[in-house]
Protein backbone atom coordinates (compact mmCIF):
# COMPACT_ATOMS: atom_id res chain seq x y z
CA MET A 1 -90.11 47.87 -51.38
CA LEU A 2 -88.80 44.31 -51.10
CA GLU A 3 -85.27 43.80 -49.82
CA TYR A 4 -83.04 41.72 -52.05
CA ILE A 5 -81.17 38.72 -50.66
CA ILE A 6 -78.73 38.64 -53.56
CA LYS A 7 -78.22 41.27 -56.20
CA ILE A 8 -76.23 40.43 -59.33
CA ASP A 9 -74.80 43.45 -61.14
CA ALA A 10 -73.46 43.11 -64.72
CA LEU A 11 -71.96 39.70 -64.03
CA SER A 12 -69.77 38.14 -66.72
CA LYS A 13 -67.63 35.02 -66.68
CA ILE A 14 -65.21 34.03 -69.44
CA TYR A 15 -63.45 30.68 -69.33
CA ARG A 16 -60.02 30.38 -70.93
CA LYS A 17 -57.83 27.31 -71.17
CA ASP A 18 -54.79 29.51 -70.60
CA VAL A 19 -53.68 33.10 -71.07
CA PHE A 20 -52.95 32.40 -74.75
CA ASP A 21 -56.40 30.98 -75.47
CA LYS A 22 -57.77 32.78 -78.54
CA GLN A 23 -61.23 31.17 -78.33
CA PRO A 24 -62.48 31.82 -74.79
CA VAL A 25 -65.97 30.72 -73.77
CA ALA A 26 -68.35 33.37 -72.40
CA ALA A 27 -70.41 31.42 -69.84
CA LEU A 28 -72.17 34.57 -68.57
CA ASN A 29 -72.60 37.86 -70.38
CA ASN A 30 -73.51 40.98 -68.39
CA VAL A 31 -76.18 39.28 -66.26
CA SER A 32 -78.13 41.44 -63.78
CA LEU A 33 -80.72 39.88 -61.45
CA SER A 34 -82.13 40.19 -57.95
CA PHE A 35 -83.44 37.48 -55.63
CA TYR A 36 -85.83 38.35 -52.81
CA GLN A 37 -86.70 36.86 -49.45
CA GLY A 38 -89.08 33.91 -49.49
CA GLU A 39 -89.34 33.48 -53.25
CA ILE A 40 -88.61 30.36 -55.29
CA VAL A 41 -86.76 31.26 -58.49
CA ALA A 42 -86.22 28.75 -61.31
CA VAL A 43 -83.11 29.25 -63.44
CA LEU A 44 -83.77 27.53 -66.78
CA GLY A 45 -81.73 26.88 -69.87
CA VAL A 46 -80.37 24.21 -72.18
CA ASN A 47 -77.08 22.51 -71.37
CA GLY A 48 -74.27 25.06 -71.50
CA ALA A 49 -76.58 28.05 -71.00
CA GLY A 50 -74.66 29.24 -67.92
CA LYS A 51 -76.93 28.00 -65.12
CA THR A 52 -74.24 26.19 -63.12
CA THR A 53 -71.72 29.02 -63.59
CA LEU A 54 -74.29 31.53 -62.33
CA THR A 55 -74.96 29.40 -59.25
CA LYS A 56 -71.25 28.93 -58.53
CA CYS A 57 -70.63 32.67 -58.84
CA MET A 58 -73.39 33.33 -56.29
CA LEU A 59 -71.89 30.65 -54.04
CA GLN A 60 -68.45 32.29 -54.46
CA LEU A 61 -67.05 29.02 -55.80
CA VAL A 62 -66.17 30.69 -59.12
CA ARG A 63 -64.69 34.18 -59.44
CA PRO A 64 -66.48 36.27 -62.09
CA THR A 65 -64.49 37.95 -64.84
CA SER A 66 -66.38 41.18 -64.19
CA GLY A 67 -69.42 42.41 -62.29
CA LYS A 68 -70.51 41.85 -58.70
CA VAL A 69 -72.60 39.55 -56.52
CA LEU A 70 -73.96 41.58 -53.60
CA PHE A 71 -75.42 40.03 -50.44
CA ASN A 72 -77.90 41.80 -48.20
CA GLU A 73 -75.92 41.75 -44.98
CA HIS A 74 -79.04 42.55 -42.91
CA VAL A 75 -80.50 39.20 -43.95
CA LEU A 76 -77.37 37.14 -44.56
CA ASN A 77 -75.21 38.35 -41.72
CA ARG A 78 -73.10 35.19 -41.84
CA LYS A 79 -72.87 34.32 -45.51
CA LYS A 80 -71.50 30.78 -45.49
CA SER A 81 -73.57 29.50 -42.57
CA SER A 82 -76.70 31.08 -44.08
CA ILE A 83 -76.43 29.23 -47.40
CA GLY A 84 -77.39 25.67 -48.30
CA TYR A 85 -76.39 23.92 -51.53
CA LEU A 86 -77.38 20.73 -53.31
CA PRO A 87 -75.06 20.10 -56.29
CA GLU A 88 -76.37 18.20 -59.29
CA HIS A 89 -74.15 15.17 -58.62
CA PHE A 90 -74.32 14.83 -54.84
CA ARG A 91 -72.09 11.96 -53.74
CA VAL A 92 -70.96 10.59 -50.37
CA PRO A 93 -68.76 7.58 -49.47
CA PRO A 94 -70.82 4.36 -49.72
CA TYR A 95 -69.72 3.09 -46.30
CA CYS A 96 -71.28 6.10 -44.50
CA THR A 97 -74.74 6.20 -42.96
CA ALA A 98 -77.17 9.06 -43.49
CA ARG A 99 -76.83 10.07 -39.86
CA GLY A 100 -73.04 9.92 -40.07
CA VAL A 101 -72.96 12.09 -43.18
CA LEU A 102 -75.18 14.75 -41.64
CA HIS A 103 -73.28 14.67 -38.32
CA THR A 104 -69.93 15.24 -40.08
CA LEU A 105 -71.23 18.00 -42.35
CA GLY A 106 -73.03 19.69 -39.45
CA LEU A 107 -69.85 19.85 -37.38
CA MET A 108 -67.93 21.18 -40.39
CA SER A 109 -70.47 23.99 -40.73
CA GLY A 110 -69.99 24.97 -37.08
CA MET A 111 -73.23 23.67 -35.58
CA GLU A 112 -73.38 22.92 -31.86
CA ARG A 113 -73.66 19.20 -31.07
CA SER A 114 -76.88 19.56 -29.06
CA GLU A 115 -78.58 21.53 -31.86
CA LEU A 116 -77.10 19.26 -34.52
CA ASN A 117 -78.58 16.05 -33.14
CA LYS A 118 -82.06 17.58 -33.06
CA ARG A 119 -81.74 18.95 -36.60
CA ILE A 120 -80.52 15.61 -37.95
CA GLU A 121 -83.63 13.85 -36.69
CA LEU A 122 -85.87 16.61 -38.04
CA VAL A 123 -84.42 16.84 -41.56
CA LEU A 124 -84.31 13.05 -41.98
CA GLN A 125 -88.00 13.00 -41.14
CA LEU A 126 -88.70 15.87 -43.57
CA VAL A 127 -87.09 14.00 -46.48
CA GLY A 128 -88.52 10.60 -45.56
CA LEU A 129 -85.27 8.93 -44.49
CA ASP A 130 -85.85 8.69 -40.73
CA ASP A 131 -86.33 4.91 -40.95
CA ARG A 132 -83.05 4.54 -42.91
CA ARG A 133 -80.88 6.84 -40.80
CA ASN A 134 -78.44 4.04 -39.91
CA SER A 135 -78.37 2.30 -43.31
CA PHE A 136 -75.22 2.49 -45.40
CA VAL A 137 -75.43 4.83 -48.36
CA LYS A 138 -74.37 1.97 -50.67
CA GLU A 139 -77.82 0.48 -49.96
CA TYR A 140 -79.59 3.67 -51.08
CA SER A 141 -81.38 4.15 -54.39
CA LYS A 142 -80.62 7.21 -56.54
CA GLY A 143 -83.75 8.90 -55.25
CA MET A 144 -82.73 8.28 -51.62
CA ILE A 145 -79.32 9.85 -52.29
CA VAL A 146 -81.07 12.94 -53.69
CA ARG A 147 -83.18 13.09 -50.51
CA LEU A 148 -80.03 12.88 -48.40
CA GLY A 149 -78.56 15.70 -50.48
CA ILE A 150 -81.59 17.87 -49.73
CA ALA A 151 -81.31 16.97 -46.03
CA GLN A 152 -77.69 18.18 -45.85
CA ALA A 153 -78.58 21.36 -47.72
CA ILE A 154 -81.24 22.37 -45.15
CA LEU A 155 -79.51 20.91 -42.08
CA HIS A 156 -78.21 24.22 -40.70
CA ASN A 157 -81.41 26.26 -41.27
CA PRO A 158 -80.12 28.26 -44.26
CA GLN A 159 -81.78 31.50 -45.32
CA LEU A 160 -80.69 31.00 -48.93
CA LEU A 161 -80.93 27.63 -50.65
CA PHE A 162 -79.44 26.56 -54.00
CA LEU A 163 -80.78 23.31 -55.45
CA ASP A 164 -79.54 21.69 -58.65
CA GLU A 165 -82.07 19.14 -59.99
CA PRO A 166 -83.74 18.52 -56.58
CA THR A 167 -86.38 16.13 -57.97
CA ASP A 168 -84.09 14.16 -60.27
CA ALA A 169 -84.53 10.36 -59.87
CA LEU A 170 -87.40 10.79 -57.40
CA ASP A 171 -90.60 8.79 -57.74
CA PRO A 172 -93.96 10.66 -57.88
CA LEU A 173 -94.39 10.54 -54.08
CA GLY A 174 -90.84 11.80 -53.60
CA LYS A 175 -91.49 14.72 -55.95
CA ILE A 176 -94.60 15.68 -54.01
CA MET A 177 -92.63 15.50 -50.76
CA VAL A 178 -89.91 17.81 -52.10
CA ARG A 179 -92.51 20.14 -53.60
CA ASN A 180 -94.28 20.52 -50.24
CA LEU A 181 -90.99 20.93 -48.39
CA LEU A 182 -89.86 23.77 -50.67
CA ARG A 183 -93.22 25.53 -50.31
CA ASP A 184 -92.94 25.30 -46.50
CA LEU A 185 -89.39 26.69 -46.54
CA SER A 186 -90.49 29.53 -48.82
CA ASN A 187 -93.35 30.37 -46.44
CA GLN A 188 -90.77 30.56 -43.63
CA GLY A 189 -88.82 33.20 -45.57
CA VAL A 190 -86.15 31.01 -47.16
CA THR A 191 -85.08 32.14 -50.63
CA ILE A 192 -84.70 29.17 -52.99
CA VAL A 193 -82.89 29.13 -56.34
CA VAL A 194 -83.60 25.99 -58.39
CA ASN A 195 -81.86 24.71 -61.50
CA SER A 196 -83.89 22.03 -63.24
CA HIS A 197 -84.81 20.52 -66.59
CA LEU A 198 -88.10 19.16 -65.19
CA LEU A 199 -90.24 22.11 -66.23
CA THR A 200 -93.55 20.56 -65.22
CA GLU A 201 -92.25 20.34 -61.65
CA ILE A 202 -90.84 23.87 -61.73
CA GLU A 203 -94.17 25.28 -62.91
CA LEU A 204 -95.84 23.85 -59.80
CA ILE A 205 -93.51 25.42 -57.23
CA ALA A 206 -91.61 28.43 -58.59
CA HIS A 207 -92.75 32.03 -58.25
CA ARG A 208 -90.39 33.41 -60.89
CA ALA A 209 -88.42 32.04 -63.84
CA VAL A 210 -85.16 33.20 -65.41
CA ILE A 211 -84.30 31.75 -68.83
CA LEU A 212 -80.61 31.79 -69.76
CA HIS A 213 -79.29 31.18 -73.25
CA LYS A 214 -75.61 31.29 -74.18
CA GLY A 215 -74.86 33.24 -71.02
CA ASN A 216 -77.58 35.86 -71.52
CA VAL A 217 -80.86 36.40 -69.69
CA ILE A 218 -83.39 36.26 -72.53
CA ARG A 219 -86.57 36.19 -70.45
CA GLU A 220 -87.37 36.77 -66.77
CA GLY A 221 -90.48 37.35 -64.72
CA ASN A 222 -93.31 36.00 -62.61
CA ILE A 223 -94.37 32.62 -64.02
CA GLY A 224 -98.06 33.51 -63.97
CA ASP A 225 -97.39 36.70 -65.93
CA LEU A 226 -95.10 34.93 -68.41
CA LEU A 227 -97.67 32.26 -69.16
CA ALA A 228 -100.57 34.72 -69.29
CA GLY A 229 -98.72 36.66 -71.95
CA GLN A 230 -98.63 33.55 -74.10
CA ALA A 231 -102.37 32.76 -73.92
CA GLY A 232 -104.38 31.98 -77.01
CA PHE A 233 -107.61 30.34 -78.17
CA PHE A 234 -108.89 27.56 -80.40
CA LEU A 235 -112.01 28.25 -82.49
CA GLN A 236 -113.93 25.10 -83.37
CA LEU A 237 -115.71 25.26 -86.75
CA SER A 238 -118.14 22.82 -88.37
CA SER A 239 -116.55 23.23 -91.81
CA TYR A 240 -113.49 24.70 -93.47
CA ILE A 241 -113.49 28.50 -93.66
CA GLU A 242 -110.96 30.45 -95.71
CA MET A 243 -109.20 32.81 -93.27
CA PRO A 244 -106.69 35.57 -94.06
CA PRO A 245 -103.18 35.49 -92.53
CA PRO A 246 -102.14 35.04 -89.78
CA TYR A 247 -105.10 32.72 -89.23
CA SER A 248 -105.23 29.19 -90.58
CA CYS A 249 -107.60 26.26 -90.19
CA SER A 250 -106.72 22.61 -89.70
CA TYR A 251 -108.84 19.47 -89.39
CA ASN A 252 -108.42 17.31 -86.25
CA GLY A 253 -110.54 14.43 -87.51
CA LYS A 254 -113.76 15.75 -86.03
CA VAL A 255 -113.95 19.52 -86.47
CA TRP A 256 -111.98 22.33 -88.07
CA ILE A 257 -109.72 24.29 -85.70
CA CYS A 258 -108.64 27.89 -86.12
CA GLU A 259 -105.85 28.90 -83.69
CA VAL A 260 -105.39 32.48 -82.49
CA GLN A 261 -102.62 33.82 -80.29
CA SER A 262 -104.24 36.62 -78.29
CA THR A 263 -107.51 38.16 -77.17
CA GLN A 264 -107.12 40.84 -79.85
CA GLU A 265 -106.69 38.20 -82.57
CA LEU A 266 -109.73 36.37 -81.18
CA GLN A 267 -111.93 39.44 -81.61
CA GLN A 268 -110.64 39.98 -85.14
CA ALA A 269 -111.23 36.32 -86.07
CA LEU A 270 -114.78 36.45 -84.69
CA ASP A 271 -115.47 39.60 -86.71
CA ILE A 272 -114.24 37.85 -89.88
CA LEU A 273 -116.44 34.83 -89.17
CA ARG A 274 -119.49 37.03 -88.52
CA GLY A 275 -118.88 38.73 -91.83
CA LYS A 276 -119.04 35.30 -93.46
CA GLY A 277 -122.20 34.39 -91.55
CA VAL A 278 -120.39 31.71 -89.54
CA THR A 279 -120.81 31.02 -85.81
CA PRO A 280 -118.06 28.95 -84.13
CA LEU A 281 -119.08 25.71 -82.45
CA ASN A 282 -116.89 26.56 -79.46
CA VAL A 283 -114.12 28.88 -78.26
CA ILE A 284 -111.55 27.05 -76.12
CA PRO A 285 -108.83 28.90 -74.13
CA LYS A 286 -105.39 27.54 -74.90
CA ARG A 287 -103.27 26.80 -71.84
CA THR A 288 -99.57 27.47 -72.34
CA THR A 289 -97.22 25.51 -70.10
CA LEU A 290 -93.80 26.59 -68.88
CA GLU A 291 -92.34 23.96 -71.20
CA ASP A 292 -94.15 25.53 -74.17
CA LEU A 293 -92.88 28.97 -73.17
CA PHE A 294 -89.32 27.71 -72.71
CA ILE A 295 -89.19 25.94 -76.08
CA ARG A 296 -90.72 28.91 -77.90
CA THR A 297 -88.28 31.31 -76.21
CA ILE A 298 -85.24 29.21 -77.12
CA GLU A 299 -86.43 28.73 -80.70
CA GLU A 300 -86.77 32.50 -81.08
CA GLN A 301 -83.04 32.77 -80.40
């Protein structure tokens, strides 16, 4: 049985303006989740879904109204020094250099100077900033600042990593670099929790997805299993065929298309067509993306 890194038990968070506030906002509502060693988990949701509040509760930056966040002390024996964090809006003073920022933050986290200097050189190389280590941050692009934010998050060899929009503002090569870096960290046993709106990127790296909506977990599971459950097929027909509900045909300018949502519906549709003496021109598997799944899940709410 896998050991959890973090276990969330019936976590709720209600924001109130003051004690007399009659319209409090429930940012999280009885959320229960577990995160395991070496997995990359994507926390998804529209703005205001509760993603940032959930992250801050796990980071102990926000006190929950009720429920618990439990750490596996066998794995995270020193909680703060075992956790790395990239906030969505990572900012540093413009007159600092990348090396200076990392040196200051490393000392604040308790790293030894001899170890710190080696780690600074390594992480700058990992994020592609080794040739700009002594440049002022004011000369950095938005993507370079994101890279520096990732560098500070992994500087102290964390066992648990929280990343908020880690590929935001990155060019295609930068996204590939971050993608490969996160896979390498995962293979080394680092648990990574990612908040992102870039679902095409998330689909390429995450093992598991959690979809939040209005503070509730409305869907959660292995990404491969989630997408497999949404599979369907397109039947290509040479002419229009009257089909009973739930099937319908549409013309794409070349052929008629009958869409089915599952293997069972496919067999039923083929039986109907055989009964009419019709053979499909082609049967094409429909690939559902994480973005499709996310939109469909939110619309169902």
